[in-house]
Amino acid sequence: MYYRYSADKFRDRNGAGRAGHTVGFALQFAVVIIIAGVLFMTAKGGYVVARDFASTLVGAENGPEFTDQSIVTIRSVAKGVLGVVLALGYKLFRAWISPNTAQAEPEASLC
């Protein structure tokens, strides 16, 4: 069977298939949170290494500023990715709760 969107494949599953898919997603999300926590625990050491490396590349006076700008950029990108993930998760959750009404609605531009 050909599915145009992955949400269509999710809608066609029975209750047990949906529950298994949801549990698998929850486990993946938990693993990602654990990995992020481990990386954040070593953030200060990473900042020192990045600052020293940037100081070597662009000079001692511009290194810390360059490092701070790169940190702000990375945080902004991470927030954007998280926003898209939450929006898609909400869309899939709505499809899971009421598959008939979600199918009748026009497709969002997130996919």
C-alpha atoms as a PDB file:
ATOM      1  CA  MET A   1       0.000   0.000   0.000  1.00  0.00           C
ATOM      2  CA  TYR A   2       1.368   3.416  -0.966  1.00  0.00           C
ATOM      3  CA  TYR A   3       1.177   6.206   1.613  1.00  0.00           C
ATOM      4  CA  ARG A   4       1.487   9.812   0.566  1.00  0.00           C
ATOM      5  CA  TYR A   5       2.282  11.040   4.073  1.00  0.00           C
ATOM      6  CA  SER A   6       3.674   9.201   7.069  1.00  0.00           C
ATOM      7  CA  ALA A   7       0.637  10.337   9.084  1.00  0.00           C
ATOM      8  CA  ASP A   8      -1.547   8.249   6.731  1.00  0.00           C
ATOM      9  CA  LYS A   9       0.469   5.156   7.602  1.00  0.00           C
ATOM     10  CA  PHE A  10       0.084   5.971  11.294  1.00  0.00           C
ATOM     11  CA  ARG A  11      -3.701   6.399  10.910  1.00  0.00           C
ATOM     12  CA  ASP A  12      -4.133   2.961   9.330  1.00  0.00           C
ATOM     13  CA  ARG A  13      -2.627   1.123  12.303  1.00  0.00           C
ATOM     14  CA  ASN A  14      -4.763  -0.565  14.905  1.00  0.00           C
ATOM     15  CA  GLY A  15      -4.711   0.452  18.577  1.00  0.00           C
ATOM     16  CA  ALA A  16      -1.814  -1.833  19.527  1.00  0.00           C
ATOM     17  CA  GLY A  17       0.286  -0.594  16.603  1.00  0.00           C
ATOM     18  CA  ARG A  18      -0.341   3.002  17.558  1.00  0.00           C
ATOM     19  CA  ALA A  19       0.511   2.332  21.188  1.00  0.00           C
ATOM     20  CA  GLY A  20       3.746   0.600  20.196  1.00  0.00           C
ATOM     21  CA  HIS A  21       4.686   3.460  17.915  1.00  0.00           C
ATOM     22  CA  THR A  22       3.968   5.977  20.658  1.00  0.00           C
ATOM     23  CA  VAL A  23       6.010   4.046  23.235  1.00  0.00           C
ATOM     24  CA  GLY A  24       8.911   3.774  20.783  1.00  0.00           C
ATOM     25  CA  PHE A  25       8.813   7.505  20.184  1.00  0.00           C
ATOM     26  CA  ALA A  26       8.731   8.182  23.939  1.00  0.00           C
ATOM     27  CA  LEU A  27      11.781   5.956  24.469  1.00  0.00           C
ATOM     28  CA  GLN A  28      13.696   7.713  21.692  1.00  0.00           C
ATOM     29  CA  PHE A  29      12.809  11.074  23.204  1.00  0.00           C
ATOM     30  CA  ALA A  30      14.022   9.931  26.646  1.00  0.00           C
ATOM     31  CA  VAL A  31      17.348   8.778  25.180  1.00  0.00           C
ATOM     32  CA  VAL A  32      17.807  12.142  23.458  1.00  0.00           C
ATOM     33  CA  ILE A  33      17.116  13.991  26.723  1.00  0.00           C
ATOM     34  CA  ILE A  34      19.686  11.827  28.559  1.00  0.00           C
ATOM     35  CA  ILE A  35      22.325  12.470  25.891  1.00  0.00           C
ATOM     36  CA  ALA A  36      21.625  16.212  26.008  1.00  0.00           C
ATOM     37  CA  GLY A  37      21.965  16.165  29.806  1.00  0.00           C
ATOM     38  CA  VAL A  38      25.353  14.456  29.587  1.00  0.00           C
ATOM     39  CA  LEU A  39      26.543  17.000  27.010  1.00  0.00           C
ATOM     40  CA  PHE A  40      25.336  19.936  29.111  1.00  0.00           C
ATOM     41  CA  MET A  41      27.213  18.645  32.157  1.00  0.00           C
ATOM     42  CA  THR A  42      30.491  19.190  30.300  1.00  0.00           C
ATOM     43  CA  ALA A  43      29.483  22.530  28.756  1.00  0.00           C
ATOM     44  CA  LYS A  44      31.986  24.664  30.714  1.00  0.00           C
ATOM     45  CA  GLY A  45      34.956  22.616  29.567  1.00  0.00           C
ATOM     46  CA  GLY A  46      33.676  22.747  25.995  1.00  0.00           C
ATOM     47  CA  TYR A  47      33.365  26.524  26.221  1.00  0.00           C
ATOM     48  CA  VAL A  48      36.976  26.869  27.350  1.00  0.00           C
ATOM     49  CA  VAL A  49      38.211  24.665  24.505  1.00  0.00           C
ATOM     50  CA  ALA A  50      36.090  26.526  21.935  1.00  0.00           C
ATOM     51  CA  ARG A  51      37.225  29.918  23.255  1.00  0.00           C
ATOM     52  CA  ASP A  52      40.894  28.922  23.089  1.00  0.00           C
ATOM     53  CA  PHE A  53      40.454  27.504  19.588  1.00  0.00           C
ATOM     54  CA  ALA A  54      38.641  30.637  18.395  1.00  0.00           C
ATOM     55  CA  SER A  55      41.356  32.804  19.956  1.00  0.00           C
ATOM     56  CA  THR A  56      43.936  30.864  17.975  1.00  0.00           C
ATOM     57  CA  LEU A  57      41.995  31.364  14.733  1.00  0.00           C
ATOM     58  CA  VAL A  58      40.844  34.990  14.985  1.00  0.00           C
ATOM     59  CA  GLY A  59      43.136  36.459  17.636  1.00  0.00           C
ATOM     60  CA  ALA A  60      43.073  36.759  21.397  1.00  0.00           C
ATOM     61  CA  GLU A  61      40.906  39.911  21.438  1.00  0.00           C
ATOM     62  CA  ASN A  62      38.147  38.524  19.175  1.00  0.00           C
ATOM     63  CA  GLY A  63      38.144  34.876  20.294  1.00  0.00           C
ATOM     64  CA  PRO A  64      35.711  35.166  23.242  1.00  0.00           C
ATOM     65  CA  GLU A  65      33.309  37.356  21.233  1.00  0.00           C
ATOM     66  CA  PHE A  66      33.390  34.904  18.323  1.00  0.00           C
ATOM     67  CA  THR A  67      32.706  32.011  20.717  1.00  0.00           C
ATOM     68  CA  ASP A  68      29.776  33.818  22.359  1.00  0.00           C
ATOM     69  CA  GLN A  69      28.229  34.600  18.966  1.00  0.00           C
ATOM     70  CA  SER A  70      28.531  30.985  17.880  1.00  0.00           C
ATOM     71  CA  ILE A  71      26.880  29.835  21.126  1.00  0.00           C
ATOM     72  CA  VAL A  72      23.930  32.184  20.568  1.00  0.00           C
ATOM     73  CA  THR A  73      23.575  30.931  16.989  1.00  0.00           C
ATOM     74  CA  ILE A  74      23.599  27.276  18.028  1.00  0.00           C
ATOM     75  CA  ARG A  75      21.007  27.935  20.750  1.00  0.00           C
ATOM     76  CA  SER A  76      18.732  29.698  18.264  1.00  0.00           C
ATOM     77  CA  VAL A  77      18.946  26.831  15.794  1.00  0.00           C
ATOM     78  CA  ALA A  78      18.234  24.311  18.562  1.00  0.00           C
ATOM     79  CA  LYS A  79      15.143  26.278  19.629  1.00  0.00           C
ATOM     80  CA  GLY A  80      13.916  26.334  16.029  1.00  0.00           C
ATOM     81  CA  VAL A  81      14.393  22.596  15.643  1.00  0.00           C
ATOM     82  CA  LEU A  82      12.576  21.997  18.925  1.00  0.00           C
ATOM     83  CA  GLY A  83       9.686  24.175  17.734  1.00  0.00           C
ATOM     84  CA  VAL A  84       9.330  22.178  14.522  1.00  0.00           C
ATOM     85  CA  VAL A  85       9.461  18.890  16.442  1.00  0.00           C
ATOM     86  CA  LEU A  86       6.751  20.056  18.830  1.00  0.00           C
ATOM     87  CA  ALA A  87       4.550  21.234  15.944  1.00  0.00           C
ATOM     88  CA  LEU A  88       4.909  17.909  14.115  1.00  0.00           C
ATOM     89  CA  GLY A  89       4.328  15.997  17.350  1.00  0.00           C
ATOM     90  CA  TYR A  90       1.140  17.953  17.919  1.00  0.00           C
ATOM     91  CA  LYS A  91      -0.012  17.173  14.394  1.00  0.00           C
ATOM     92  CA  LEU A  92       0.656  13.450  14.837  1.00  0.00           C
ATOM     93  CA  PHE A  93      -1.053  13.484  18.230  1.00  0.00           C
ATOM     94  CA  ARG A  94      -4.172  15.011  16.676  1.00  0.00           C
ATOM     95  CA  ALA A  95      -4.100  12.369  13.944  1.00  0.00           C
ATOM     96  CA  TRP A  96      -3.833   9.672  16.609  1.00  0.00           C
ATOM     97  CA  ILE A  97      -6.731  11.019  18.689  1.00  0.00           C
ATOM     98  CA  SER A  98      -9.182  11.576  15.850  1.00  0.00           C
ATOM     99  CA  PRO A  99      -7.997  10.030  12.582  1.00  0.00           C
ATOM    100  CA  ASN A 100     -11.185  10.834  10.643  1.00  0.00           C
ATOM    101  CA  THR A 101     -11.191  14.581  11.323  1.00  0.00           C
ATOM    102  CA  ALA A 102      -7.447  14.950  10.855  1.00  0.00           C
ATOM    103  CA  GLN A 103      -7.686  13.366   7.404  1.00  0.00           C
ATOM    104  CA  ALA A 104     -10.403  15.789   6.294  1.00  0.00           C
ATOM    105  CA  GLU A 105      -8.369  18.868   7.262  1.00  0.00           C
ATOM    106  CA  PRO A 106      -6.037  20.474   4.726  1.00  0.00           C
ATOM    107  CA  GLU A 107      -2.413  19.458   5.021  1.00  0.00           C
ATOM    108  CA  ALA A 108      -0.137  21.837   6.886  1.00  0.00           C
ATOM    109  CA  SER A 109       3.060  23.090   5.314  1.00  0.00           C
ATOM    110  CA  LEU A 110       5.197  21.487   8.051  1.00  0.00           C
ATOM    111  CA  CYS A 111       5.703  18.210   6.181  1.00  0.00           C
END
